[in-house]
């Protein structure tokens, strides 16, 4: 009987230990599940924040963008918006459109849109009043200054007539310096 008590005690101890181990395992699983739920919640919050930021950025962008038709209407009256356009390709496209507009009227302008975009930019930095006129006029003036406004008239006479005496003289000096 002596050997049976320790075995019985041992079996009772083991039986009581198994629920404790099982309880510990259940607690560990519950902790893992809580962590997984917390991580999912953190990821969802981060995604929601990204979405909010994207929406805010899009709203800010849409309020600062101008529709092409609006830009065209503005440029027909006043070219001051030129300095607010930050994308060079957009400036070059505007110049290209006006070169084509003049071509449709029988005027040939041979130099590139890039050349004129840079020239208009430089002139508008030197003289802010230069852009206070419709863009077709701005384009004509710079093309005349470059002796590149070919409408069949004498280019020198046209430059003198459009630029005036002082402007004509300054332009001749500019061209000779190049």
N, C-alpha and C. Protein backbone atom coordinates (compact mmCIF):
# COMPACT_ATOMS: atom_id res chain seq x y z
N UNK A 1 0.81 -1.17 0.00
CA UNK A 1 0.00 0.00 0.00
C UNK A 1 0.86 1.25 0.00
N UNK A 2 2.00 1.07 0.51
CA UNK A 2 2.91 2.18 0.56
C UNK A 2 3.22 2.73 -0.84
N UNK A 3 3.36 1.90 -1.77
CA UNK A 3 3.69 2.35 -3.12
C UNK A 3 2.48 2.94 -3.82
N UNK A 4 1.31 2.53 -3.39
CA UNK A 4 0.13 3.06 -4.04
C UNK A 4 -0.15 4.50 -3.66
N UNK A 5 0.12 4.90 -2.45
CA UNK A 5 -0.15 6.29 -2.04
C UNK A 5 0.70 7.26 -2.85
N UNK A 6 1.96 7.01 -2.91
CA UNK A 6 2.70 7.96 -3.73
C UNK A 6 2.22 7.97 -5.17
N UNK A 7 1.85 6.84 -5.72
CA UNK A 7 1.36 6.83 -7.09
C UNK A 7 0.04 7.58 -7.18
N UNK A 8 -0.80 7.35 -6.20
CA UNK A 8 -2.07 8.05 -6.17
C UNK A 8 -1.86 9.54 -6.01
N UNK A 9 -0.95 9.89 -5.11
CA UNK A 9 -0.61 11.30 -4.93
C UNK A 9 -0.03 11.90 -6.20
N UNK A 10 0.81 11.10 -6.81
CA UNK A 10 1.43 11.56 -8.05
C UNK A 10 0.38 11.77 -9.14
N UNK A 11 -0.55 10.84 -9.23
CA UNK A 11 -1.59 10.98 -10.25
C UNK A 11 -2.51 12.16 -9.95
N UNK A 12 -2.79 12.39 -8.65
CA UNK A 12 -3.60 13.55 -8.25
C UNK A 12 -2.85 14.84 -8.58
N UNK A 13 -1.59 14.87 -8.27
CA UNK A 13 -0.77 16.05 -8.58
C UNK A 13 -0.72 16.31 -10.08
N UNK A 14 -0.54 15.24 -10.84
CA UNK A 14 -0.50 15.41 -12.30
C UNK A 14 -1.84 15.87 -12.83
N UNK A 15 -2.90 15.30 -12.29
CA UNK A 15 -4.24 15.69 -12.73
C UNK A 15 -4.51 17.15 -12.42
N UNK A 16 -4.03 17.60 -11.29
CA UNK A 16 -4.25 19.00 -10.93
C UNK A 16 -3.32 19.92 -11.70
N UNK A 17 -2.19 19.41 -12.15
CA UNK A 17 -1.25 20.23 -12.90
C UNK A 17 -1.72 20.44 -14.34
N UNK A 18 -2.38 19.48 -14.92
CA UNK A 18 -2.84 19.58 -16.32
C UNK A 18 -3.81 20.74 -16.50
N UNK A 19 -4.79 20.91 -15.63
CA UNK A 19 -5.66 22.07 -15.82
C UNK A 19 -4.90 23.39 -15.69
N UNK A 20 -3.91 23.41 -14.84
CA UNK A 20 -3.13 24.64 -14.69
C UNK A 20 -2.37 24.93 -15.97
N UNK A 21 -1.77 23.88 -16.58
CA UNK A 21 -1.07 24.06 -17.84
C UNK A 21 -2.06 24.45 -18.93
N UNK A 22 -3.19 23.81 -18.95
CA UNK A 22 -4.21 24.11 -19.94
C UNK A 22 -4.67 25.55 -19.78
N UNK A 23 -4.84 25.98 -18.54
CA UNK A 23 -5.24 27.38 -18.29
C UNK A 23 -4.19 28.35 -18.77
N UNK A 24 -2.92 28.03 -18.54
CA UNK A 24 -1.83 28.89 -19.00
C UNK A 24 -1.80 28.96 -20.52
N UNK A 25 -2.04 27.82 -21.16
CA UNK A 25 -2.05 27.81 -22.62
C UNK A 25 -3.21 28.63 -23.16
N UNK A 26 -4.36 28.55 -22.52
CA UNK A 26 -5.53 29.34 -22.93
C UNK A 26 -5.22 30.83 -22.78
N UNK A 27 -4.59 31.19 -21.67
CA UNK A 27 -4.22 32.59 -21.46
C UNK A 27 -3.24 33.08 -22.52
N UNK A 28 -2.27 32.22 -22.86
CA UNK A 28 -1.31 32.61 -23.90
C UNK A 28 -2.01 32.82 -25.24
N UNK A 29 -2.94 31.95 -25.56
CA UNK A 29 -3.67 32.08 -26.83
C UNK A 29 -4.53 33.34 -26.83
N UNK A 30 -5.14 33.63 -25.70
CA UNK A 30 -5.95 34.84 -25.59
C UNK A 30 -5.07 36.09 -25.76
N UNK A 31 -3.89 36.06 -25.18
CA UNK A 31 -2.94 37.19 -25.31
C UNK A 31 -2.54 37.37 -26.79
N UNK A 32 -2.26 36.25 -27.46
CA UNK A 32 -1.90 36.32 -28.88
C UNK A 32 -3.04 36.92 -29.70
N UNK A 33 -4.27 36.48 -29.39
CA UNK A 33 -5.43 37.00 -30.11
C UNK A 33 -5.61 38.49 -29.86
N UNK A 34 -5.42 38.92 -28.60
CA UNK A 34 -5.52 40.36 -28.27
C UNK A 34 -4.48 41.16 -29.04
N UNK A 35 -3.24 40.64 -29.07
CA UNK A 35 -2.16 41.33 -29.80
C UNK A 35 -2.49 41.44 -31.29
N UNK A 36 -3.00 40.35 -31.86
CA UNK A 36 -3.37 40.35 -33.27
C UNK A 36 -4.47 41.37 -33.54
N UNK A 37 -5.46 41.42 -32.65
CA UNK A 37 -6.55 42.40 -32.79
C UNK A 37 -6.01 43.82 -32.67
N UNK A 38 -5.12 44.05 -31.71
CA UNK A 38 -4.52 45.37 -31.54
C UNK A 38 -3.70 45.77 -32.77
N UNK A 39 -2.94 44.83 -33.32
CA UNK A 39 -2.14 45.13 -34.50
C UNK A 39 -3.04 45.46 -35.69
N UNK A 40 -4.12 44.72 -35.86
CA UNK A 40 -5.07 45.02 -36.93
C UNK A 40 -5.66 46.41 -36.76
N UNK A 41 -6.00 46.74 -35.52
CA UNK A 41 -6.57 48.07 -35.24
C UNK A 41 -5.56 49.17 -35.57
N UNK A 42 -4.30 48.95 -35.22
CA UNK A 42 -3.25 49.93 -35.51
C UNK A 42 -3.09 50.09 -37.02
N UNK A 43 -3.08 48.98 -37.74
CA UNK A 43 -2.95 49.02 -39.19
C UNK A 43 -4.14 49.74 -39.82
N UNK A 44 -5.34 49.46 -39.34
CA UNK A 44 -6.54 50.12 -39.86
C UNK A 44 -6.49 51.62 -39.61
N UNK A 45 -6.06 52.02 -38.41
CA UNK A 45 -5.94 53.46 -38.11
C UNK A 45 -4.92 54.12 -39.03
N UNK A 46 -3.80 53.45 -39.26
CA UNK A 46 -2.76 54.00 -40.15
C UNK A 46 -3.30 54.14 -41.57
N UNK A 47 -4.05 53.15 -42.04
CA UNK A 47 -4.63 53.22 -43.38
C UNK A 47 -5.66 54.34 -43.47
N UNK A 48 -6.48 54.49 -42.45
CA UNK A 48 -7.47 55.56 -42.43
C UNK A 48 -6.79 56.92 -42.44
N UNK A 49 -5.68 57.04 -41.71
CA UNK A 49 -4.94 58.30 -41.68
C UNK A 49 -4.35 58.62 -43.06
N UNK A 50 -3.83 57.60 -43.72
CA UNK A 50 -3.29 57.79 -45.08
C UNK A 50 -4.39 58.25 -46.03
N UNK A 51 -5.55 57.64 -45.90
CA UNK A 51 -6.68 58.02 -46.76
C UNK A 51 -7.08 59.46 -46.49
N UNK A 52 -7.15 59.85 -45.21
CA UNK A 52 -7.49 61.23 -44.87
C UNK A 52 -6.48 62.20 -45.45
N UNK A 53 -5.19 61.86 -45.32
CA UNK A 53 -4.15 62.73 -45.86
C UNK A 53 -4.26 62.84 -47.38
N UNK A 54 -4.56 61.74 -48.04
CA UNK A 54 -4.70 61.76 -49.50
C UNK A 54 -5.89 62.62 -49.92
N UNK A 55 -6.98 62.52 -49.18
CA UNK A 55 -8.17 63.33 -49.48
C UNK A 55 -7.86 64.81 -49.29
N UNK A 56 -7.20 65.14 -48.20
CA UNK A 56 -6.83 66.55 -47.95
C UNK A 56 -5.90 67.07 -49.03
N UNK A 57 -4.91 66.25 -49.40
CA UNK A 57 -3.96 66.66 -50.44
C UNK A 57 -4.68 66.87 -51.77
N UNK A 58 -5.61 66.00 -52.11
CA UNK A 58 -6.36 66.12 -53.36
C UNK A 58 -7.23 67.36 -53.35
N UNK A 59 -7.85 67.66 -52.19
CA UNK A 59 -8.67 68.87 -52.10
C UNK A 59 -7.82 70.11 -52.28
N UNK A 60 -6.63 70.12 -51.66
CA UNK A 60 -5.74 71.28 -51.80
C UNK A 60 -5.28 71.41 -53.24
N UNK A 61 -4.98 70.29 -53.88
CA UNK A 61 -4.51 70.31 -55.26
C UNK A 61 -5.62 70.81 -56.18
N UNK A 62 -6.83 70.34 -55.97
CA UNK A 62 -7.91 70.72 -56.87
C UNK A 62 -8.26 72.19 -56.74
N UNK A 63 -8.03 72.78 -55.57
CA UNK A 63 -8.32 74.20 -55.44
C UNK A 63 -7.23 75.07 -56.06
N UNK A 64 -6.02 74.50 -56.24
CA UNK A 64 -4.95 75.28 -56.82
C UNK A 64 -4.79 75.03 -58.32
N UNK A 65 -5.50 74.06 -58.87
CA UNK A 65 -5.43 73.78 -60.29
C UNK A 65 -6.42 74.66 -61.05
N UNK A 66 -6.01 74.99 -62.27
CA UNK A 66 -6.89 75.78 -63.14
C UNK A 66 -7.23 74.91 -64.34
N UNK A 67 -8.47 74.90 -64.70
CA UNK A 67 -8.94 74.19 -65.87
C UNK A 67 -8.30 74.82 -67.11
N UNK A 68 -8.05 74.00 -68.12
CA UNK A 68 -7.42 74.49 -69.36
C UNK A 68 -8.26 75.59 -70.00
N UNK A 69 -9.57 75.41 -69.98
CA UNK A 69 -10.45 76.44 -70.56
C UNK A 69 -10.39 77.74 -69.78
N UNK A 70 -10.29 77.62 -68.45
CA UNK A 70 -10.17 78.83 -67.62
C UNK A 70 -8.85 79.54 -67.93
N UNK A 71 -7.78 78.77 -68.06
CA UNK A 71 -6.48 79.34 -68.36
C UNK A 71 -6.51 80.05 -69.70
N UNK A 72 -7.14 79.45 -70.68
CA UNK A 72 -7.25 80.07 -72.01
C UNK A 72 -8.00 81.40 -71.93
N UNK A 73 -9.10 81.42 -71.17
CA UNK A 73 -9.87 82.67 -71.01
C UNK A 73 -9.04 83.75 -70.32
N UNK A 74 -8.29 83.34 -69.31
CA UNK A 74 -7.45 84.30 -68.59
C UNK A 74 -6.39 84.87 -69.51
N UNK A 75 -5.72 84.00 -70.27
CA UNK A 75 -4.63 84.44 -71.15
C UNK A 75 -5.12 85.33 -72.29
N UNK A 76 -6.38 85.21 -72.65
CA UNK A 76 -6.92 86.08 -73.70
C UNK A 76 -7.07 87.52 -73.22
N UNK A 77 -7.11 87.71 -71.90
CA UNK A 77 -7.26 89.05 -71.34
C UNK A 77 -5.96 89.60 -70.77
N UNK A 78 -5.23 88.72 -70.06
CA UNK A 78 -4.06 89.17 -69.30
C UNK A 78 -3.12 87.98 -69.11
N UNK A 79 -1.84 88.20 -69.30
CA UNK A 79 -0.87 87.10 -69.23
C UNK A 79 -0.15 86.99 -67.89
N UNK A 80 -0.58 87.74 -66.90
CA UNK A 80 0.09 87.74 -65.60
C UNK A 80 0.13 86.37 -64.95
N UNK A 81 -0.82 85.51 -65.30
CA UNK A 81 -0.88 84.16 -64.74
C UNK A 81 0.36 83.35 -65.14
N UNK A 82 1.07 83.79 -66.17
CA UNK A 82 2.27 83.09 -66.66
C UNK A 82 3.25 82.82 -65.51
N UNK A 83 3.45 83.80 -64.66
CA UNK A 83 4.42 83.66 -63.57
C UNK A 83 3.95 82.66 -62.50
N UNK A 84 2.67 82.37 -62.46
CA UNK A 84 2.14 81.42 -61.49
C UNK A 84 2.20 79.98 -61.98
N UNK A 85 2.45 79.80 -63.24
CA UNK A 85 2.56 78.46 -63.82
C UNK A 85 3.96 77.96 -63.51
N UNK A 86 4.07 76.85 -62.81
CA UNK A 86 5.39 76.37 -62.39
C UNK A 86 5.92 75.25 -63.27
N UNK A 87 5.06 74.63 -64.05
CA UNK A 87 5.49 73.51 -64.90
C UNK A 87 5.93 74.01 -66.26
N UNK A 88 7.21 73.80 -66.58
CA UNK A 88 7.74 74.23 -67.88
C UNK A 88 7.02 73.59 -69.05
N UNK A 89 6.71 72.30 -68.98
CA UNK A 89 5.98 71.72 -70.12
C UNK A 89 4.65 72.42 -70.39
N UNK A 90 3.99 72.89 -69.35
CA UNK A 90 2.73 73.62 -69.53
C UNK A 90 3.00 74.94 -70.25
N UNK A 91 4.04 75.64 -69.84
CA UNK A 91 4.40 76.91 -70.50
C UNK A 91 4.73 76.68 -71.97
N UNK A 92 5.48 75.61 -72.23
CA UNK A 92 5.85 75.31 -73.61
C UNK A 92 4.63 74.94 -74.44
N UNK A 93 3.67 74.24 -73.85
CA UNK A 93 2.44 73.91 -74.56
C UNK A 93 1.61 75.16 -74.87
N UNK A 94 1.59 76.09 -73.94
CA UNK A 94 0.87 77.35 -74.19
C UNK A 94 1.50 78.06 -75.38
N UNK A 95 2.82 78.17 -75.37
CA UNK A 95 3.51 78.83 -76.49
C UNK A 95 3.24 78.08 -77.79
N UNK A 96 3.31 76.75 -77.75
CA UNK A 96 3.05 75.95 -78.95
C UNK A 96 1.64 76.21 -79.48
N UNK A 97 0.67 76.30 -78.59
CA UNK A 97 -0.71 76.58 -79.01
C UNK A 97 -0.81 77.93 -79.73
N UNK A 98 -0.11 78.93 -79.22
CA UNK A 98 -0.17 80.25 -79.84
C UNK A 98 0.63 80.30 -81.15
N UNK A 99 1.70 79.53 -81.24
CA UNK A 99 2.42 79.42 -82.51
C UNK A 99 1.48 78.81 -83.57
N UNK A 100 0.74 77.78 -83.17
CA UNK A 100 -0.21 77.15 -84.10
C UNK A 100 -1.36 78.09 -84.42
N UNK A 101 -1.80 78.87 -83.45
CA UNK A 101 -2.85 79.86 -83.70
C UNK A 101 -2.40 80.86 -84.76
N UNK A 102 -1.17 81.34 -84.63
CA UNK A 102 -0.65 82.27 -85.63
C UNK A 102 -0.46 81.58 -86.98
N UNK A 103 -0.03 80.31 -86.96
CA UNK A 103 0.14 79.56 -88.22
C UNK A 103 -1.19 79.47 -88.95
N UNK A 104 -2.28 79.27 -88.20
CA UNK A 104 -3.62 79.19 -88.80
C UNK A 104 -4.00 80.52 -89.44
N UNK A 105 -3.39 81.62 -88.98
CA UNK A 105 -3.66 82.94 -89.53
C UNK A 105 -2.65 83.31 -90.64
N UNK A 106 -1.79 82.35 -90.99
CA UNK A 106 -0.83 82.57 -92.07
C UNK A 106 0.51 83.14 -91.62
N UNK A 107 0.77 83.16 -90.31
CA UNK A 107 2.03 83.68 -89.77
C UNK A 107 2.91 82.48 -89.41
N UNK A 108 4.16 82.55 -89.87
CA UNK A 108 5.09 81.46 -89.57
C UNK A 108 6.05 81.92 -88.46
N UNK A 109 6.11 81.13 -87.40
CA UNK A 109 7.07 81.35 -86.31
C UNK A 109 7.93 80.10 -86.25
N UNK A 110 9.22 80.25 -86.51
CA UNK A 110 10.10 79.08 -86.69
C UNK A 110 10.80 78.61 -85.42
N UNK A 111 11.08 79.50 -84.50
CA UNK A 111 11.83 79.10 -83.30
C UNK A 111 10.94 78.27 -82.39
N UNK A 112 11.59 77.50 -81.52
CA UNK A 112 10.88 76.50 -80.70
C UNK A 112 10.05 77.12 -79.57
N UNK A 113 9.04 76.38 -79.13
CA UNK A 113 8.27 76.82 -77.96
C UNK A 113 9.17 76.97 -76.72
N UNK A 114 10.18 76.12 -76.58
CA UNK A 114 11.10 76.22 -75.45
C UNK A 114 11.83 77.57 -75.47
N UNK A 115 12.27 77.97 -76.67
CA UNK A 115 12.98 79.25 -76.81
C UNK A 115 12.09 80.41 -76.36
N UNK A 116 10.86 80.41 -76.84
CA UNK A 116 9.96 81.51 -76.49
C UNK A 116 9.50 81.47 -75.04
N UNK A 117 9.32 80.28 -74.49
CA UNK A 117 8.94 80.18 -73.07
C UNK A 117 10.04 80.80 -72.20
N UNK A 118 11.30 80.49 -72.53
CA UNK A 118 12.42 81.06 -71.77
C UNK A 118 12.52 82.56 -71.96
N UNK A 119 12.32 83.02 -73.18
CA UNK A 119 12.39 84.45 -73.46
C UNK A 119 11.27 85.22 -72.74
N UNK A 120 10.07 84.69 -72.79
CA UNK A 120 8.94 85.33 -72.10
C UNK A 120 9.20 85.36 -70.59
N UNK A 121 9.72 84.27 -70.07
CA UNK A 121 10.03 84.20 -68.63
C UNK A 121 11.05 85.27 -68.25
N UNK A 122 12.12 85.38 -69.03
CA UNK A 122 13.17 86.37 -68.74
C UNK A 122 12.63 87.79 -68.86
N UNK A 123 11.87 88.05 -69.89
CA UNK A 123 11.32 89.40 -70.09
C UNK A 123 10.33 89.76 -68.99
N UNK A 124 9.54 88.81 -68.56
CA UNK A 124 8.54 89.12 -67.53
C UNK A 124 9.20 89.32 -66.17
N UNK A 125 10.35 88.73 -65.96
CA UNK A 125 11.09 88.96 -64.71
C UNK A 125 11.68 90.37 -64.70
N UNK A 126 12.12 90.84 -65.88
CA UNK A 126 12.71 92.18 -65.99
C UNK A 126 11.64 93.27 -65.99
N UNK A 127 10.49 92.97 -66.60
CA UNK A 127 9.43 93.97 -66.75
C UNK A 127 8.09 93.31 -66.44
N UNK A 128 7.61 93.49 -65.22
CA UNK A 128 6.36 92.84 -64.81
C UNK A 128 5.15 93.36 -65.59
N UNK A 129 5.23 94.55 -66.13
CA UNK A 129 4.13 95.12 -66.91
C UNK A 129 3.98 94.43 -68.27
N UNK A 130 5.05 93.78 -68.71
CA UNK A 130 5.05 93.11 -70.01
C UNK A 130 3.90 92.10 -70.12
N UNK A 131 3.57 91.45 -69.03
CA UNK A 131 2.53 90.43 -69.05
C UNK A 131 1.13 90.99 -68.84
N UNK A 132 1.00 92.29 -68.73
CA UNK A 132 -0.32 92.90 -68.51
C UNK A 132 -1.05 93.13 -69.84
N UNK A 133 -0.95 92.15 -70.71
CA UNK A 133 -1.62 92.20 -72.00
C UNK A 133 -1.98 90.77 -72.41
N UNK A 134 -2.87 90.62 -73.37
CA UNK A 134 -3.24 89.26 -73.80
C UNK A 134 -2.03 88.48 -74.30
N UNK A 135 -2.08 87.17 -74.13
CA UNK A 135 -0.91 86.35 -74.46
C UNK A 135 -0.61 86.34 -75.96
N UNK A 136 -1.63 86.48 -76.80
CA UNK A 136 -1.34 86.53 -78.24
C UNK A 136 -0.47 87.74 -78.57
N UNK A 137 -0.69 88.82 -77.86
CA UNK A 137 0.14 90.03 -78.05
C UNK A 137 1.57 89.78 -77.52
N UNK A 138 1.68 89.15 -76.35
CA UNK A 138 2.98 88.81 -75.78
C UNK A 138 3.76 87.95 -76.76
N UNK A 139 3.09 86.96 -77.31
CA UNK A 139 3.74 86.05 -78.25
C UNK A 139 4.17 86.79 -79.51
N UNK A 140 3.33 87.66 -80.01
CA UNK A 140 3.67 88.43 -81.21
C UNK A 140 4.89 89.32 -80.95
N UNK A 141 4.90 90.00 -79.80
CA UNK A 141 6.00 90.92 -79.48
C UNK A 141 7.33 90.16 -79.41
N UNK A 142 7.36 89.02 -78.71
CA UNK A 142 8.63 88.30 -78.60
C UNK A 142 9.06 87.73 -79.95
N UNK A 143 8.12 87.28 -80.76
CA UNK A 143 8.47 86.77 -82.09
C UNK A 143 8.98 87.90 -82.99
N UNK A 144 8.37 89.06 -82.89
CA UNK A 144 8.84 90.23 -83.66
C UNK A 144 10.24 90.62 -83.19
N UNK A 145 10.46 90.61 -81.89
CA UNK A 145 11.78 90.95 -81.34
C UNK A 145 12.86 89.99 -81.84
N UNK A 146 12.47 88.74 -82.08
CA UNK A 146 13.41 87.72 -82.56
C UNK A 146 13.50 87.69 -84.09
N UNK A 147 12.76 88.60 -84.75
CA UNK A 147 12.68 88.64 -86.21
C UNK A 147 12.22 87.28 -86.74
N UNK A 148 11.23 86.72 -86.05
CA UNK A 148 10.73 85.39 -86.35
C UNK A 148 9.22 85.42 -86.58
N UNK A 149 8.64 86.59 -86.74
CA UNK A 149 7.21 86.72 -86.98
C UNK A 149 7.04 86.96 -88.47
N UNK A 150 6.89 85.88 -89.23
CA UNK A 150 6.88 85.96 -90.69
C UNK A 150 5.45 86.01 -91.20
N UNK A 151 4.98 87.23 -91.43
CA UNK A 151 3.64 87.41 -91.99
C UNK A 151 3.70 88.07 -93.37
N UNK A 152 4.89 88.07 -93.93
CA UNK A 152 5.06 88.63 -95.27
C UNK A 152 5.49 90.09 -95.26
N UNK A 153 5.46 90.73 -94.12
CA UNK A 153 5.87 92.14 -94.02
C UNK A 153 7.36 92.23 -93.74
N UNK A 154 7.92 93.40 -93.99
CA UNK A 154 9.33 93.65 -93.67
C UNK A 154 9.51 93.53 -92.15
N UNK A 155 10.39 92.62 -91.74
CA UNK A 155 10.55 92.32 -90.30
C UNK A 155 11.16 93.49 -89.55
N UNK A 156 12.09 94.17 -90.15
CA UNK A 156 12.73 95.30 -89.48
C UNK A 156 11.73 96.45 -89.29
N UNK A 157 10.97 96.73 -90.33
CA UNK A 157 9.95 97.79 -90.25
C UNK A 157 8.89 97.42 -89.19
N UNK A 158 8.47 96.15 -89.18
CA UNK A 158 7.47 95.70 -88.20
C UNK A 158 8.01 95.83 -86.78
N UNK A 159 9.28 95.46 -86.56
CA UNK A 159 9.88 95.57 -85.23
C UNK A 159 9.90 97.02 -84.78
N UNK A 160 10.27 97.93 -85.67
CA UNK A 160 10.31 99.36 -85.33
C UNK A 160 8.92 99.88 -85.00
N UNK A 161 7.92 99.48 -85.80
CA UNK A 161 6.54 99.94 -85.58
C UNK A 161 5.97 99.40 -84.26
N UNK A 162 6.23 98.14 -83.94
CA UNK A 162 5.64 97.52 -82.74
C UNK A 162 6.39 97.89 -81.47
N UNK A 163 7.72 97.95 -81.55
CA UNK A 163 8.53 98.21 -80.36
C UNK A 163 8.73 99.69 -80.07
N UNK A 164 8.50 100.56 -81.04
CA UNK A 164 8.76 101.99 -80.85
C UNK A 164 10.24 102.28 -81.02
N UNK A 165 10.60 103.54 -81.06
CA UNK A 165 11.99 103.95 -81.32
C UNK A 165 12.95 103.38 -80.27
N UNK A 166 12.67 103.62 -79.00
CA UNK A 166 13.58 103.18 -77.93
C UNK A 166 13.63 101.65 -77.83
N UNK A 167 12.48 101.01 -77.90
CA UNK A 167 12.43 99.54 -77.84
C UNK A 167 13.15 98.91 -79.02
N UNK A 168 12.99 99.54 -80.19
CA UNK A 168 13.67 99.03 -81.39
C UNK A 168 15.19 99.13 -81.22
N UNK A 169 15.66 100.26 -80.72
CA UNK A 169 17.10 100.46 -80.53
C UNK A 169 17.65 99.45 -79.51
N UNK A 170 16.96 99.28 -78.39
CA UNK A 170 17.40 98.33 -77.36
C UNK A 170 17.40 96.89 -77.89
N UNK A 171 16.39 96.59 -78.68
CA UNK A 171 16.32 95.24 -79.23
C UNK A 171 17.47 94.98 -80.21
N UNK A 172 17.80 95.98 -81.02
CA UNK A 172 18.93 95.82 -81.96
C UNK A 172 20.23 95.57 -81.18
N UNK A 173 20.40 96.29 -80.08
CA UNK A 173 21.60 96.08 -79.23
C UNK A 173 21.60 94.67 -78.63
N UNK A 174 20.44 94.24 -78.18
CA UNK A 174 20.33 92.89 -77.60
C UNK A 174 20.71 91.83 -78.62
N UNK A 175 20.19 91.97 -79.84
CA UNK A 175 20.47 90.99 -80.88
C UNK A 175 21.95 91.00 -81.30
N UNK A 176 22.55 92.18 -81.33
CA UNK A 176 23.97 92.27 -81.70
C UNK A 176 24.86 91.66 -80.62
N UNK A 177 24.43 91.73 -79.36
CA UNK A 177 25.20 91.20 -78.24
C UNK A 177 25.16 89.66 -78.22
N UNK A 178 24.17 89.09 -78.89
CA UNK A 178 24.05 87.62 -78.87
C UNK A 178 25.06 86.99 -79.72
